[in-house]
PDB file of N, CA and C in Angstrom:
ATOM      1  N   MET A   1     108.285  33.633  45.543  1.00  0.00           N
ATOM      2  CA  MET A   1     107.818  34.079  46.830  1.00  0.00           C
ATOM      3  C   MET A   1     108.777  35.139  47.376  1.00  0.00           C
ATOM      4  N   ALA A   2     108.256  36.258  47.783  1.00  0.00           N
ATOM      5  CA  ALA A   2     109.074  37.367  48.265  1.00  0.00           C
ATOM      6  C   ALA A   2     109.578  37.085  49.678  1.00  0.00           C
ATOM      7  N   ALA A   3     110.795  37.524  49.933  1.00  0.00           N
ATOM      8  CA  ALA A   3     111.372  37.370  51.271  1.00  0.00           C
ATOM      9  C   ALA A   3     110.718  38.363  52.217  1.00  0.00           C
ATOM     10  N   ALA A   4     110.659  37.986  53.474  1.00  0.00           N
ATOM     11  CA  ALA A   4     110.093  38.885  54.484  1.00  0.00           C
ATOM     12  C   ALA A   4     110.993  40.099  54.645  1.00  0.00           C
ATOM     13  N   ALA A   5     110.378  41.244  54.816  1.00  0.00           N
ATOM     14  CA  ALA A   5     111.130  42.488  54.984  1.00  0.00           C
ATOM     15  C   ALA A   5     111.866  42.472  56.329  1.00  0.00           C
ATOM     16  N   ALA A   6     113.102  42.904  56.299  1.00  0.00           N
ATOM     17  CA  ALA A   6     113.891  42.994  57.531  1.00  0.00           C
ATOM     18  C   ALA A   6     113.338  44.126  58.392  1.00  0.00           C
ATOM     19  N   PRO A   7     113.376  43.963  59.696  1.00  0.00           N
ATOM     20  CA  PRO A   7     112.890  45.042  60.548  1.00  0.00           C
ATOM     21  C   PRO A   7     113.766  46.290  60.384  1.00  0.00           C
ATOM     22  N   ALA A   8     113.160  47.431  60.546  1.00  0.00           N
ATOM     23  CA  ALA A   8     113.885  48.693  60.412  1.00  0.00           C
ATOM     24  C   ALA A   8     114.941  48.815  61.506  1.00  0.00           C
ATOM     25  N   ILE A   9     116.080  49.368  61.149  1.00  0.00           N
ATOM     26  CA  ILE A   9     117.138  49.590  62.140  1.00  0.00           C
ATOM     27  C   ILE A   9     116.656  50.581  63.183  1.00  0.00           C
ATOM     28  N   ILE A  10     115.973  51.620  62.724  1.00  0.00           N
ATOM     29  CA  ILE A  10     115.409  52.630  63.620  1.00  0.00           C
ATOM     30  C   ILE A  10     113.908  52.628  63.397  1.00  0.00           C
ATOM     31  N   ALA A  11     113.185  52.091  64.359  1.00  0.00           N
ATOM     32  CA  ALA A  11     111.737  51.924  64.200  1.00  0.00           C
ATOM     33  C   ALA A  11     110.980  53.253  64.197  1.00  0.00           C
ATOM     34  N   ASP A  12     111.412  54.200  65.009  1.00  0.00           N
ATOM     35  CA  ASP A  12     110.731  55.499  65.109  1.00  0.00           C
ATOM     36  C   ASP A  12     111.797  56.590  65.040  1.00  0.00           C
ATOM     37  N   ARG A  13     111.983  57.154  63.844  1.00  0.00           N
ATOM     38  CA  ARG A  13     113.047  58.147  63.650  1.00  0.00           C
ATOM     39  C   ARG A  13     112.837  59.413  64.454  1.00  0.00           C
ATOM     40  N   GLY A  14     111.585  59.807  64.670  1.00  0.00           N
ATOM     41  CA  GLY A  14     111.314  60.992  65.479  1.00  0.00           C
ATOM     42  C   GLY A  14     111.758  60.793  66.917  1.00  0.00           C
ATOM     43  N   GLU A  15     111.397  59.641  67.494  1.00  0.00           N
ATOM     44  CA  GLU A  15     111.830  59.344  68.858  1.00  0.00           C
ATOM     45  C   GLU A  15     113.346  59.247  68.928  1.00  0.00           C
ATOM     46  N   PHE A  16     113.948  58.608  67.927  1.00  0.00           N
ATOM     47  CA  PHE A  16     115.393  58.411  67.926  1.00  0.00           C
ATOM     48  C   PHE A  16     116.136  59.743  67.941  1.00  0.00           C
ATOM     49  N   ILE A  17     115.735  60.679  67.110  1.00  0.00           N
ATOM     50  CA  ILE A  17     116.422  61.974  67.068  1.00  0.00           C
ATOM     51  C   ILE A  17     116.173  62.754  68.361  1.00  0.00           C
ATOM     52  N   ASP A  18     114.977  62.636  68.937  1.00  0.00           N
ATOM     53  CA  ASP A  18     114.705  63.298  70.220  1.00  0.00           C
ATOM     54  C   ASP A  18     115.600  62.749  71.321  1.00  0.00           C
ATOM     55  N   VAL A  19     115.760  61.426  71.350  1.00  0.00           N
ATOM     56  CA  VAL A  19     116.617  60.797  72.358  1.00  0.00           C
ATOM     57  C   VAL A  19     118.067  61.213  72.145  1.00  0.00           C
ATOM     58  N   LEU A  20     118.537  61.180  70.897  1.00  0.00           N
ATOM     59  CA  LEU A  20     119.906  61.615  70.619  1.00  0.00           C
ATOM     60  C   LEU A  20     120.138  63.059  71.059  1.00  0.00           C
ATOM     61  N   ARG A  21     119.183  63.920  70.748  1.00  0.00           N
ATOM     62  CA  ARG A  21     119.324  65.341  71.107  1.00  0.00           C
ATOM     63  C   ARG A  21     119.401  65.519  72.621  1.00  0.00           C
ATOM     64  N   ALA A  22     118.549  64.831  73.358  1.00  0.00           N
ATOM     65  CA  ALA A  22     118.562  64.937  74.818  1.00  0.00           C
ATOM     66  C   ALA A  22     119.865  64.394  75.400  1.00  0.00           C
ATOM     67  N   LEU A  23     120.317  63.257  74.894  1.00  0.00           N
ATOM     68  CA  LEU A  23     121.577  62.689  75.373  1.00  0.00           C
ATOM     69  C   LEU A  23     122.747  63.602  75.033  1.00  0.00           C
ATOM     70  N   TRP A  24     122.721  64.193  73.843  1.00  0.00           N
ATOM     71  CA  TRP A  24     123.788  65.106  73.420  1.00  0.00           C
ATOM     72  C   TRP A  24     123.855  66.327  74.341  1.00  0.00           C
ATOM     73  N   ARG A  25     122.709  66.731  74.869  1.00  0.00           N
ATOM     74  CA  ARG A  25     122.647  67.871  75.803  1.00  0.00           C
ATOM     75  C   ARG A  25     123.037  67.475  77.220  1.00  0.00           C
ATOM     76  N   GLY A  26     123.332  66.181  77.443  1.00  0.00           N
ATOM     77  CA  GLY A  26     123.806  65.752  78.747  1.00  0.00           C
ATOM     78  C   GLY A  26     122.802  64.993  79.593  1.00  0.00           C
ATOM     79  N   HIS A  27     121.623  64.730  79.068  1.00  0.00           N
ATOM     80  CA  HIS A  27     120.621  63.981  79.821  1.00  0.00           C
ATOM     81  C   HIS A  27     121.028  62.517  79.901  1.00  0.00           C
ATOM     82  N   VAL A  28     120.368  61.778  80.771  1.00  0.00           N
ATOM     83  CA  VAL A  28     120.728  60.388  81.037  1.00  0.00           C
ATOM     84  C   VAL A  28     119.570  59.472  80.666  1.00  0.00           C
ATOM     85  N   LEU A  29     119.892  58.409  79.942  1.00  0.00           N
ATOM     86  CA  LEU A  29     118.923  57.358  79.615  1.00  0.00           C
ATOM     87  C   LEU A  29     118.953  56.359  80.760  1.00  0.00           C
ATOM     88  N   VAL A  30     117.783  55.986  81.248  1.00  0.00           N
ATOM     89  CA  VAL A  30     117.681  55.150  82.442  1.00  0.00           C
ATOM     90  C   VAL A  30     116.927  53.865  82.110  1.00  0.00           C
ATOM     91  N   HIS A  31     117.470  52.744  82.578  1.00  0.00           N
ATOM     92  CA  HIS A  31     116.751  51.467  82.465  1.00  0.00           C
ATOM     93  C   HIS A  31     116.414  51.008  83.875  1.00  0.00           C
ATOM     94  N   CYS A  32     115.116  50.937  84.152  1.00  0.00           N
ATOM     95  CA  CYS A  32     114.684  50.578  85.509  1.00  0.00           C
ATOM     96  C   CYS A  32     113.873  49.292  85.520  1.00  0.00           C
ATOM     97  N   GLY A  33     114.027  48.472  84.509  1.00  0.00           N
ATOM     98  CA  GLY A  33     113.316  47.201  84.460  1.00  0.00           C
ATOM     99  C   GLY A  33     111.966  47.346  83.783  1.00  0.00           C
ATOM    100  N   GLU A  34     111.535  46.292  83.167  1.00  0.00           N
ATOM    101  CA  GLU A  34     110.275  46.322  82.422  1.00  0.00           C
ATOM    102  C   GLU A  34     109.071  46.570  83.324  1.00  0.00           C
ATOM    103  N   GLU A  35     109.122  46.081  84.540  1.00  0.00           N
ATOM    104  CA  GLU A  35     107.991  46.278  85.454  1.00  0.00           C
ATOM    105  C   GLU A  35     107.810  47.745  85.830  1.00  0.00           C
ATOM    106  N   ALA A  36     108.908  48.492  85.857  1.00  0.00           N
ATOM    107  CA  ALA A  36     108.867  49.894  86.283  1.00  0.00           C
ATOM    108  C   ALA A  36     108.793  50.856  85.103  1.00  0.00           C
ATOM    109  N   GLY A  37     108.482  50.379  83.929  1.00  0.00           N
ATOM    110  CA  GLY A  37     108.363  51.269  82.771  1.00  0.00           C
ATOM    111  C   GLY A  37     109.453  51.108  81.748  1.00  0.00           C
ATOM    112  N   GLY A  38     110.465  50.299  82.048  1.00  0.00           N
ATOM    113  CA  GLY A  38     111.509  50.025  81.068  1.00  0.00           C
ATOM    114  C   GLY A  38     112.523  51.132  80.942  1.00  0.00           C
ATOM    115  N   TRP A  39     112.620  51.690  79.762  1.00  0.00           N
ATOM    116  CA  TRP A  39     113.605  52.720  79.441  1.00  0.00           C
ATOM    117  C   TRP A  39     112.959  54.094  79.538  1.00  0.00           C
ATOM    118  N   LEU A  40     113.640  55.005  80.231  1.00  0.00           N
ATOM    119  CA  LEU A  40     113.095  56.346  80.456  1.00  0.00           C
ATOM    120  C   LEU A  40     114.147  57.406  80.145  1.00  0.00           C
ATOM    121  N   LEU A  41     113.672  58.554  79.709  1.00  0.00           N
ATOM    122  CA  LEU A  41     114.518  59.713  79.478  1.00  0.00           C
ATOM    123  C   LEU A  41     113.714  60.930  79.870  1.00  0.00           C
ATOM    124  N   ASP A  42     114.212  61.677  80.810  1.00  0.00           N
ATOM    125  CA  ASP A  42     113.508  62.870  81.315  1.00  0.00           C
ATOM    126  C   ASP A  42     112.095  62.532  81.788  1.00  0.00           C
ATOM    127  N   GLY A  43     111.923  61.366  82.370  1.00  0.00           N
ATOM    128  CA  GLY A  43     110.622  60.963  82.899  1.00  0.00           C
ATOM    129  C   GLY A  43     109.664  60.401  81.873  1.00  0.00           C
ATOM    130  N   GLY A  44     110.036  60.446  80.591  1.00  0.00           N
ATOM    131  CA  GLY A  44     109.184  59.912  79.533  1.00  0.00           C
ATOM    132  C   GLY A  44     109.701  58.567  79.058  1.00  0.00           C
ATOM    133  N   ARG A  45     108.807  57.731  78.645  1.00  0.00           N
ATOM    134  CA  ARG A  45     109.169  56.382  78.215  1.00  0.00           C
ATOM    135  C   ARG A  45     109.817  56.415  76.832  1.00  0.00           C
ATOM    136  N   VAL A  46     110.863  55.631  76.665  1.00  0.00           N
ATOM    137  CA  VAL A  46     111.532  55.445  75.382  1.00  0.00           C
ATOM    138  C   VAL A  46     111.120  54.066  74.890  1.00  0.00           C
ATOM    139  N   PHE A  47     110.419  54.019  73.775  1.00  0.00           N
ATOM    140  CA  PHE A  47     109.823  52.769  73.313  1.00  0.00           C
ATOM    141  C   PHE A  47     110.751  51.920  72.447  1.00  0.00           C
ATOM    142  N   THR A  48     111.495  52.526  71.517  1.00  0.00           N
ATOM    143  CA  THR A  48     112.273  51.727  70.564  1.00  0.00           C
ATOM    144  C   THR A  48     113.727  52.160  70.405  1.00  0.00           C
ATOM    145  N   SER A  49     114.069  53.361  70.762  1.00  0.00           N
ATOM    146  CA  SER A  49     115.388  53.909  70.437  1.00  0.00           C
ATOM    147  C   SER A  49     116.535  53.297  71.223  1.00  0.00           C
ATOM    148  N   TYR A  50     116.255  52.737  72.372  1.00  0.00           N
ATOM    149  CA  TYR A  50     117.332  52.185  73.189  1.00  0.00           C
ATOM    150  C   TYR A  50     118.042  51.020  72.482  1.00  0.00           C
ATOM    151  N   SER A  51     117.308  50.244  71.708  1.00  0.00           N
ATOM    152  CA  SER A  51     117.899  49.067  71.067  1.00  0.00           C
ATOM    153  C   SER A  51     119.024  49.433  70.092  1.00  0.00           C
ATOM    154  N   PRO A  52     118.806  50.328  69.105  1.00  0.00           N
ATOM    155  CA  PRO A  52     119.929  50.681  68.219  1.00  0.00           C
ATOM    156  C   PRO A  52     121.032  51.449  68.946  1.00  0.00           C
ATOM    157  N   LEU A  53     120.687  52.213  69.959  1.00  0.00           N
ATOM    158  CA  LEU A  53     121.714  52.922  70.724  1.00  0.00           C
ATOM    159  C   LEU A  53     122.681  51.932  71.366  1.00  0.00           C
ATOM    160  N   LEU A  54     122.144  50.874  71.935  1.00  0.00           N
ATOM    161  CA  LEU A  54     122.978  49.843  72.560  1.00  0.00           C
ATOM    162  C   LEU A  54     123.704  49.006  71.508  1.00  0.00           C
ATOM    163  N   ARG A  55     122.979  48.577  70.490  1.00  0.00           N
ATOM    164  CA  ARG A  55     123.529  47.684  69.462  1.00  0.00           C
ATOM    165  C   ARG A  55     124.738  48.290  68.761  1.00  0.00           C
ATOM    166  N   TYR A  56     124.694  49.585  68.496  1.00  0.00           N
ATOM    167  CA  TYR A  56     125.770  50.226  67.754  1.00  0.00           C
ATOM    168  C   TYR A  56     126.759  50.982  68.646  1.00  0.00           C
ATOM    169  N   GLY A  57     126.682  50.759  69.938  1.00  0.00           N
ATOM    170  CA  GLY A  57     127.659  51.357  70.851  1.00  0.00           C
ATOM    171  C   GLY A  57     127.565  52.864  70.958  1.00  0.00           C
ATOM    172  N   LEU A  58     126.380  53.410  70.771  1.00  0.00           N
ATOM    173  CA  LEU A  58     126.216  54.867  70.843  1.00  0.00           C
ATOM    174  C   LEU A  58     126.049  55.355  72.271  1.00  0.00           C
ATOM    175  N   VAL A  59     125.687  54.460  73.183  1.00  0.00           N
ATOM    176  CA  VAL A  59     125.600  54.793  74.602  1.00  0.00           C
ATOM    177  C   VAL A  59     126.452  53.810  75.390  1.00  0.00           C
ATOM    178  N   ARG A  60     126.850  54.230  76.578  1.00  0.00           N
ATOM    179  CA  ARG A  60     127.605  53.367  77.486  1.00  0.00           C
ATOM    180  C   ARG A  60     127.004  53.512  78.880  1.00  0.00           C
ATOM    181  N   GLU A  61     127.045  52.435  79.611  1.00  0.00           N
ATOM    182  CA  GLU A  61     126.528  52.473  80.979  1.00  0.00           C
ATOM    183  C   GLU A  61     127.509  53.248  81.848  1.00  0.00           C
ATOM    184  N   VAL A  62     126.968  54.078  82.725  1.00  0.00           N
ATOM    185  CA  VAL A  62     127.791  54.870  83.635  1.00  0.00           C
ATOM    186  C   VAL A  62     127.410  54.549  85.070  1.00  0.00           C
ATOM    187  N   SER A  63     128.365  54.696  85.937  1.00  0.00           N
ATOM    188  CA  SER A  63     128.130  54.463  87.355  1.00  0.00           C
ATOM    189  C   SER A  63     127.420  55.672  87.956  1.00  0.00           C
ATOM    190  N   ASN A  64     126.458  55.412  88.823  1.00  0.00           N
ATOM    191  CA  ASN A  64     125.757  56.487  89.522  1.00  0.00           C
ATOM    192  C   ASN A  64     125.572  56.054  90.969  1.00  0.00           C
ATOM    193  N   PRO A  65     126.589  56.297  91.818  1.00  0.00           N
ATOM    194  CA  PRO A  65     126.524  55.842  93.202  1.00  0.00           C
ATOM    195  C   PRO A  65     125.361  56.459  93.983  1.00  0.00           C
ATOM    196  N   GLN A  66     124.855  57.592  93.521  1.00  0.00           N
ATOM    197  CA  GLN A  66     123.733  58.234  94.204  1.00  0.00           C
ATOM    198  C   GLN A  66     122.390  57.825  93.610  1.00  0.00           C
ATOM    199  N   GLY A  67     122.432  56.933  92.628  1.00  0.00           N
ATOM    200  CA  GLY A  67     121.213  56.484  91.958  1.00  0.00           C
ATOM    201  C   GLY A  67     120.494  55.409  92.756  1.00  0.00           C
ATOM    202  N   PHE A  68     119.466  54.889  92.155  1.00  0.00           N
ATOM    203  CA  PHE A  68     118.651  53.862  92.779  1.00  0.00           C
ATOM    204  C   PHE A  68     119.235  52.476  92.536  1.00  0.00           C
ATOM    205  N   GLU A  69     119.004  51.582  93.471  1.00  0.00           N
ATOM    206  CA  GLU A  69     119.445  50.204  93.341  1.00  0.00           C
ATOM    207  C   GLU A  69     118.700  49.540  92.180  1.00  0.00           C
ATOM    208  N   HIS A  70     119.393  48.722  91.422  1.00  0.00           N
ATOM    209  CA  HIS A  70     118.850  47.973  90.280  1.00  0.00           C
ATOM    210  C   HIS A  70     118.429  48.861  89.107  1.00  0.00           C
ATOM    211  N   VAL A  71     118.870  50.103  89.097  1.00  0.00           N
ATOM    212  CA  VAL A  71     118.599  51.001  87.973  1.00  0.00           C
ATOM    213  C   VAL A  71     119.919  51.229  87.244  1.00  0.00           C
ATOM    214  N   ARG A  72     119.879  51.156  85.923  1.00  0.00           N
ATOM    215  CA  ARG A  72     121.077  51.346  85.110  1.00  0.00           C
ATOM    216  C   ARG A  72     120.992  52.695  84.400  1.00  0.00           C
ATOM    217  N   TYR A  73     122.137  53.371  84.298  1.00  0.00           N
ATOM    218  CA  TYR A  73     122.207  54.715  83.734  1.00  0.00           C
ATOM    219  C   TYR A  73     123.136  54.712  82.518  1.00  0.00           C
ATOM    220  N   PHE A  74     122.719  55.416  81.452  1.00  0.00           N
ATOM    221  CA  PHE A  74     123.482  55.427  80.202  1.00  0.00           C
ATOM    222  C   PHE A  74     123.653  56.857  79.697  1.00  0.00           C
ATOM    223  N   ARG A  75     124.847  57.118  79.163  1.00  0.00           N
ATOM    224  CA  ARG A  75     125.161  58.391  78.501  1.00  0.00           C
ATOM    225  C   ARG A  75     125.753  58.078  77.128  1.00  0.00           C
ATOM    226  N   LEU A  76     125.822  59.095  76.289  1.00  0.00           N
ATOM    227  CA  LEU A  76     126.437  58.903  74.975  1.00  0.00           C
ATOM    228  C   LEU A  76     127.895  58.491  75.127  1.00  0.00           C
ATOM    229  N   SER A  77     128.316  57.554  74.301  1.00  0.00           N
ATOM    230  CA  SER A  77     129.727  57.197  74.210  1.00  0.00           C
ATOM    231  C   SER A  77     130.395  58.238  73.303  1.00  0.00           C
ATOM    232  N   GLU A  78     131.705  58.158  73.165  1.00  0.00           N
ATOM    233  CA  GLU A  78     132.398  59.070  72.249  1.00  0.00           C
ATOM    234  C   GLU A  78     131.872  58.876  70.825  1.00  0.00           C
ATOM    235  N   ARG A  79     131.703  57.626  70.451  1.00  0.00           N
ATOM    236  CA  ARG A  79     131.150  57.318  69.130  1.00  0.00           C
ATOM    237  C   ARG A  79     129.735  57.886  69.009  1.00  0.00           C
ATOM    238  N   GLY A  80     128.944  57.743  70.060  1.00  0.00           N
ATOM    239  CA  GLY A  80     127.580  58.247  70.068  1.00  0.00           C
ATOM    240  C   GLY A  80     127.519  59.756  69.983  1.00  0.00           C
ATOM    241  N   ARG A  81     128.434  60.433  70.648  1.00  0.00           N
ATOM    242  CA  ARG A  81     128.468  61.900  70.610  1.00  0.00           C
ATOM    243  C   ARG A  81     128.754  62.388  69.185  1.00  0.00           C
ATOM    244  N   ALA A  82     129.718  61.771  68.531  1.00  0.00           N
ATOM    245  CA  ALA A  82     130.036  62.155  67.146  1.00  0.00           C
ATOM    246  C   ALA A  82     128.854  61.852  66.219  1.00  0.00           C
ATOM    247  N   PHE A  83     128.237  60.681  66.408  1.00  0.00           N
ATOM    248  CA  PHE A  83     127.081  60.314  65.597  1.00  0.00           C
ATOM    249  C   PHE A  83     125.925  61.284  65.831  1.00  0.00           C
ATOM    250  N   ALA A  84     125.664  61.619  67.096  1.00  0.00           N
ATOM    251  CA  ALA A  84     124.564  62.521  67.429  1.00  0.00           C
ATOM    252  C   ALA A  84     124.757  63.884  66.782  1.00  0.00           C
ATOM    253  N   GLU A  85     125.968  64.409  66.810  1.00  0.00           N
ATOM    254  CA  GLU A  85     126.228  65.708  66.183  1.00  0.00           C
ATOM    255  C   GLU A  85     125.877  65.682  64.697  1.00  0.00           C
ATOM    256  N   ARG A  86     126.298  64.624  64.019  1.00  0.00           N
ATOM    257  CA  ARG A  86     126.010  64.511  62.578  1.00  0.00           C
ATOM    258  C   ARG A  86     124.520  64.304  62.324  1.00  0.00           C
ATOM    259  N   ALA A  87     123.891  63.450  63.120  1.00  0.00           N
ATOM    260  CA  ALA A  87     122.463  63.145  62.926  1.00  0.00           C
ATOM    261  C   ALA A  87     121.594  64.372  63.201  1.00  0.00           C
ATOM    262  N   ILE A  88     121.902  65.105  64.253  1.00  0.00           N
ATOM    263  CA  ILE A  88     121.122  66.303  64.593  1.00  0.00           C
ATOM    264  C   ILE A  88     121.284  67.362  63.505  1.00  0.00           C
ATOM    265  N   ALA A  89     122.521  67.544  63.011  1.00  0.00           N
ATOM    266  CA  ALA A  89     122.750  68.516  61.932  1.00  0.00           C
ATOM    267  C   ALA A  89     121.986  68.110  60.665  1.00  0.00           C
ATOM    268  N   ALA A  90     122.008  66.829  60.332  1.00  0.00           N
ATOM    269  CA  ALA A  90     121.283  66.356  59.144  1.00  0.00           C
ATOM    270  C   ALA A  90     119.778  66.529  59.327  1.00  0.00           C
ATOM    271  N   TRP A  91     119.283  66.276  60.529  1.00  0.00           N
ATOM    272  CA  TRP A  91     117.850  66.421  60.827  1.00  0.00           C
ATOM    273  C   TRP A  91     117.408  67.874  60.634  1.00  0.00           C
ATOM    274  N   ARG A  92     118.218  68.803  61.107  1.00  0.00           N
ATOM    275  CA  ARG A  92     117.883  70.234  60.992  1.00  0.00           C
ATOM    276  C   ARG A  92     117.855  70.708  59.550  1.00  0.00           C
ATOM    277  N   GLN A  93     118.599  70.045  58.679  1.00  0.00           N
ATOM    278  CA  GLN A  93     118.640  70.436  57.272  1.00  0.00           C
ATOM    279  C   GLN A  93     117.437  69.926  56.488  1.00  0.00           C
ATOM    280  N   ARG A  94     116.701  68.987  57.035  1.00  0.00           N
ATOM    281  CA  ARG A  94     115.512  68.452  56.366  1.00  0.00           C
ATOM    282  C   ARG A  94     114.414  69.497  56.352  1.00  0.00           C
ATOM    283  N   PRO A  95     113.607  69.531  55.316  1.00  0.00           N
ATOM    284  CA  PRO A  95     112.492  70.472  55.273  1.00  0.00           C
ATOM    285  C   PRO A  95     111.514  70.208  56.432  1.00  0.00           C
ATOM    286  N   LEU A  96     110.889  71.264  56.899  1.00  0.00           N
ATOM    287  CA  LEU A  96     109.966  71.170  58.027  1.00  0.00           C
ATOM    288  C   LEU A  96     108.849  70.165  57.761  1.00  0.00           C
ATOM    289  N   LEU A  97     108.284  70.181  56.583  1.00  0.00           N
ATOM    290  CA  LEU A  97     107.200  69.250  56.263  1.00  0.00           C
ATOM    291  C   LEU A  97     107.672  67.794  56.388  1.00  0.00           C
ATOM    292  N   GLU A  98     108.870  67.518  55.926  1.00  0.00           N
ATOM    293  CA  GLU A  98     109.407  66.160  56.040  1.00  0.00           C
ATOM    294  C   GLU A  98     109.583  65.758  57.515  1.00  0.00           C
ATOM    295  N   ARG A  99     110.096  66.683  58.327  1.00  0.00           N
ATOM    296  CA  ARG A  99     110.262  66.387  59.753  1.00  0.00           C
ATOM    297  C   ARG A  99     108.917  66.140  60.435  1.00  0.00           C
ATOM    298  N   LEU A 100     107.917  66.891  60.049  1.00  0.00           N
ATOM    299  CA  LEU A 100     106.563  66.682  60.606  1.00  0.00           C
ATOM    300  C   LEU A 100     106.003  65.323  60.205  1.00  0.00           C
ATOM    301  N   LEU A 101     106.178  64.952  58.942  1.00  0.00           N
ATOM    302  CA  LEU A 101     105.711  63.635  58.485  1.00  0.00           C
ATOM    303  C   LEU A 101     106.417  62.492  59.195  1.00  0.00           C
ATOM    304  N   VAL A 102     107.692  62.645  59.439  1.00  0.00           N
ATOM    305  CA  VAL A 102     108.433  61.618  60.178  1.00  0.00           C
ATOM    306  C   VAL A 102     107.872  61.500  61.588  1.00  0.00           C
ATOM    307  N   ARG A 103     107.526  62.617  62.191  1.00  0.00           N
ATOM    308  CA  ARG A 103     106.939  62.587  63.539  1.00  0.00           C
ATOM    309  C   ARG A 103     105.614  61.845  63.531  1.00  0.00           C
ATOM    310  N   LEU A 104     104.828  62.052  62.498  1.00  0.00           N
ATOM    311  CA  LEU A 104     103.511  61.400  62.431  1.00  0.00           C
ATOM    312  C   LEU A 104     103.613  59.927  62.044  1.00  0.00           C
ATOM    313  N   LEU A 105     104.528  59.597  61.141  1.00  0.00           N
ATOM    314  CA  LEU A 105     104.578  58.248  60.583  1.00  0.00           C
ATOM    315  C   LEU A 105     105.683  57.372  61.153  1.00  0.00           C
ATOM    316  N   GLY A 106     106.596  57.964  61.910  1.00  0.00           N
ATOM    317  CA  GLY A 106     107.666  57.152  62.505  1.00  0.00           C
ATOM    318  C   GLY A 106     108.932  57.172  61.800  1.00  0.00           C
TER     319      GLY A 106
END
């Protein structure tokens, strides 16, 4: 009997690289609770990428005294910044067709 497949570390690679790129450019990942849409970046919902970002210490929570109550704000950590630079460079080296397929298939 075959063992069950382990869940993917990165469920949607296209979303993950988009989130890394935005964070690397200085944007902020926001957690506003599941009732309010969950995780957001630039007003768009982040469906799966927040989990590996948190799990591997690629983002850190930052204080935002001018922000909203009960909303948490995250930026790349030093480790995350170094990882993002390498991941973005590797992504750009992939053939265009491969990048398009990843966008379509996850």
